[in-house]
């Protein structure tokens, strides 16, 4: 079905791999602002190519009837939901950490051991790019 849109599929795979690599780098250094920025950029790139994939699906109505494609669409939706949940959980944890780091008596310990504030995971792209791709059947 998708042999005509090989570039899009290749871009999706590459963006997914970049996002996975950025996620590993962020896991290795969760307080590193550059790792957070790299992960955010990779996530935005993945959302962009997923949007292109949705356009491909809309362009070829026969894809929607295929069982395998329906499973792919379901998995994409699930992945987007997991990404949104993970982003929110990360930001909640960072907010809690930064708050505790500033409150007494934790601020004394944070000062002694040089605990730096953590950066929130924010997207610098437009609101349209931050939205999850719409899956339409």
Protein backbone atom coordinates (compact mmCIF):
# COMPACT_ATOMS: atom_id res chain seq x y z
CA UNK A 1 0.00 0.00 0.00
CA UNK A 2 2.58 2.54 1.00
CA UNK A 3 5.31 1.96 -1.58
CA UNK A 4 4.46 5.28 -3.28
CA UNK A 5 5.16 7.16 -0.06
CA UNK A 6 8.47 5.59 0.88
CA UNK A 7 10.04 8.99 1.71
CA UNK A 8 7.38 9.67 4.30
CA UNK A 9 7.84 6.28 5.91
CA UNK A 10 11.61 6.71 5.94
CA UNK A 11 11.19 10.13 7.56
CA UNK A 12 8.88 8.65 10.21
CA UNK A 13 11.41 5.93 11.03
CA UNK A 14 14.31 8.40 11.19
CA UNK A 15 12.34 10.82 13.39
CA UNK A 16 11.33 7.98 15.69
CA UNK A 17 14.97 6.88 16.01
CA UNK A 18 16.07 10.46 16.74
CA UNK A 19 13.37 10.81 19.39
CA UNK A 20 14.42 7.51 20.97
CA UNK A 21 18.07 8.62 21.02
CA UNK A 22 17.14 11.97 22.52
CA UNK A 23 15.01 10.20 25.15
CA UNK A 24 18.00 8.04 26.14
CA UNK A 25 20.23 11.11 26.37
CA UNK A 26 17.60 12.86 28.50
CA UNK A 27 17.30 9.81 30.76
CA UNK A 28 21.08 9.81 31.21
CA UNK A 29 21.17 13.53 32.13
CA UNK A 30 17.66 14.62 33.23
CA UNK A 31 18.84 17.98 34.57
CA UNK A 32 20.76 18.96 31.43
CA UNK A 33 18.89 21.78 29.63
CA UNK A 34 20.53 20.90 26.30
CA UNK A 35 19.26 17.30 26.59
CA UNK A 36 15.76 18.62 27.29
CA UNK A 37 15.98 20.92 24.26
CA UNK A 38 17.24 18.10 22.03
CA UNK A 39 14.43 15.83 23.19
CA UNK A 40 11.85 18.55 22.63
CA UNK A 41 13.17 19.20 19.11
CA UNK A 42 13.18 15.49 18.29
CA UNK A 43 9.63 15.14 19.61
CA UNK A 44 8.49 18.08 17.48
CA UNK A 45 10.13 16.55 14.42
CA UNK A 46 8.38 13.25 15.07
CA UNK A 47 5.02 15.00 15.38
CA UNK A 48 5.66 16.75 12.06
CA UNK A 49 6.41 13.59 10.11
CA UNK A 50 3.49 11.79 11.75
CA UNK A 51 1.28 14.58 10.42
CA UNK A 52 2.67 13.91 6.94
CA UNK A 53 1.85 10.22 7.40
CA UNK A 54 -1.74 11.13 8.24
CA UNK A 55 -1.95 13.09 4.98
CA UNK A 56 -0.75 10.00 3.10
CA UNK A 57 -3.43 7.90 4.76
CA UNK A 58 -6.10 10.42 3.85
CA UNK A 59 -4.87 10.50 0.26
CA UNK A 60 -5.26 6.74 -0.17
CA UNK A 61 -8.73 5.66 1.00
CA UNK A 62 -7.88 1.96 0.51
CA UNK A 63 -5.40 2.20 3.36
CA UNK A 64 -8.15 2.87 5.84
CA UNK A 65 -9.82 -0.44 5.05
CA UNK A 66 -6.66 -2.48 5.59
CA UNK A 67 -6.53 -4.22 8.99
CA UNK A 68 -2.80 -3.74 9.33
CA UNK A 69 -3.10 -0.02 8.63
CA UNK A 70 -5.91 0.25 11.17
CA UNK A 71 -3.58 -1.28 13.77
CA UNK A 72 -0.85 1.18 12.80
CA UNK A 73 -3.26 4.09 13.21
CA UNK A 74 -4.33 2.77 16.61
CA UNK A 75 -0.70 2.42 17.66
CA UNK A 76 0.07 5.98 16.51
CA UNK A 77 -2.80 7.31 18.57
CA UNK A 78 -1.64 5.32 21.57
CA UNK A 79 1.93 6.56 21.11
CA UNK A 80 0.83 10.18 20.97
CA UNK A 81 -1.17 9.70 24.17
CA UNK A 82 1.80 8.09 25.92
CA UNK A 83 4.08 10.95 24.80
CA UNK A 84 1.65 13.54 26.13
CA UNK A 85 1.31 11.68 29.43
CA UNK A 86 5.09 11.26 29.78
CA UNK A 87 5.67 14.95 29.02
CA UNK A 88 3.15 15.94 31.67
CA UNK A 89 4.61 13.50 34.22
CA UNK A 90 8.13 14.82 33.54
CA UNK A 91 7.04 18.44 33.91
CA UNK A 92 5.18 17.61 37.14
CA UNK A 93 8.30 15.94 38.53
CA UNK A 94 10.50 18.87 37.50
CA UNK A 95 8.11 21.35 39.12
CA UNK A 96 8.03 19.32 42.33
CA UNK A 97 11.85 19.01 42.33
CA UNK A 98 12.37 22.73 41.72
CA UNK A 99 9.88 23.63 44.45
CA UNK A 100 11.50 21.32 47.00
CA UNK A 101 14.92 22.62 46.00
CA UNK A 102 13.84 26.16 46.92
CA UNK A 103 12.08 25.39 50.23
CA UNK A 104 13.74 25.32 53.62
CA UNK A 105 15.39 22.99 54.82
CA UNK A 106 15.85 21.30 51.44
CA UNK A 107 17.38 24.49 50.07
CA UNK A 108 20.32 24.08 52.44
CA UNK A 109 21.03 20.55 51.21
CA UNK A 110 20.50 21.65 47.59
CA UNK A 111 22.99 24.48 48.10
CA UNK A 112 25.61 22.25 49.72
CA UNK A 113 25.44 19.64 46.95
CA UNK A 114 24.94 22.15 44.09
CA UNK A 115 21.59 20.78 42.93
CA UNK A 116 20.77 22.85 39.88
CA UNK A 117 17.23 23.68 38.85
CA UNK A 118 15.79 21.34 36.22
CA UNK A 119 14.31 22.61 32.97
CA UNK A 120 10.73 21.95 31.93
CA UNK A 121 10.07 20.12 28.70
CA UNK A 122 8.63 22.84 26.51
CA UNK A 123 8.14 23.04 22.80
CA UNK A 124 9.32 26.20 21.08
CA UNK A 125 7.42 25.40 17.90
CA UNK A 126 4.08 26.81 16.85
CA UNK A 127 0.87 25.59 18.47
CA UNK A 128 -0.03 23.67 15.31
CA UNK A 129 3.14 21.60 15.53
CA UNK A 130 2.61 20.86 19.25
CA UNK A 131 -0.80 19.34 18.58
CA UNK A 132 -1.00 15.61 18.11
CA UNK A 133 -1.68 14.51 14.55
CA UNK A 134 -5.33 13.79 13.91
CA UNK A 135 -6.13 10.21 13.01
CA UNK A 136 -9.22 10.06 10.81
CA UNK A 137 -10.80 6.90 9.52
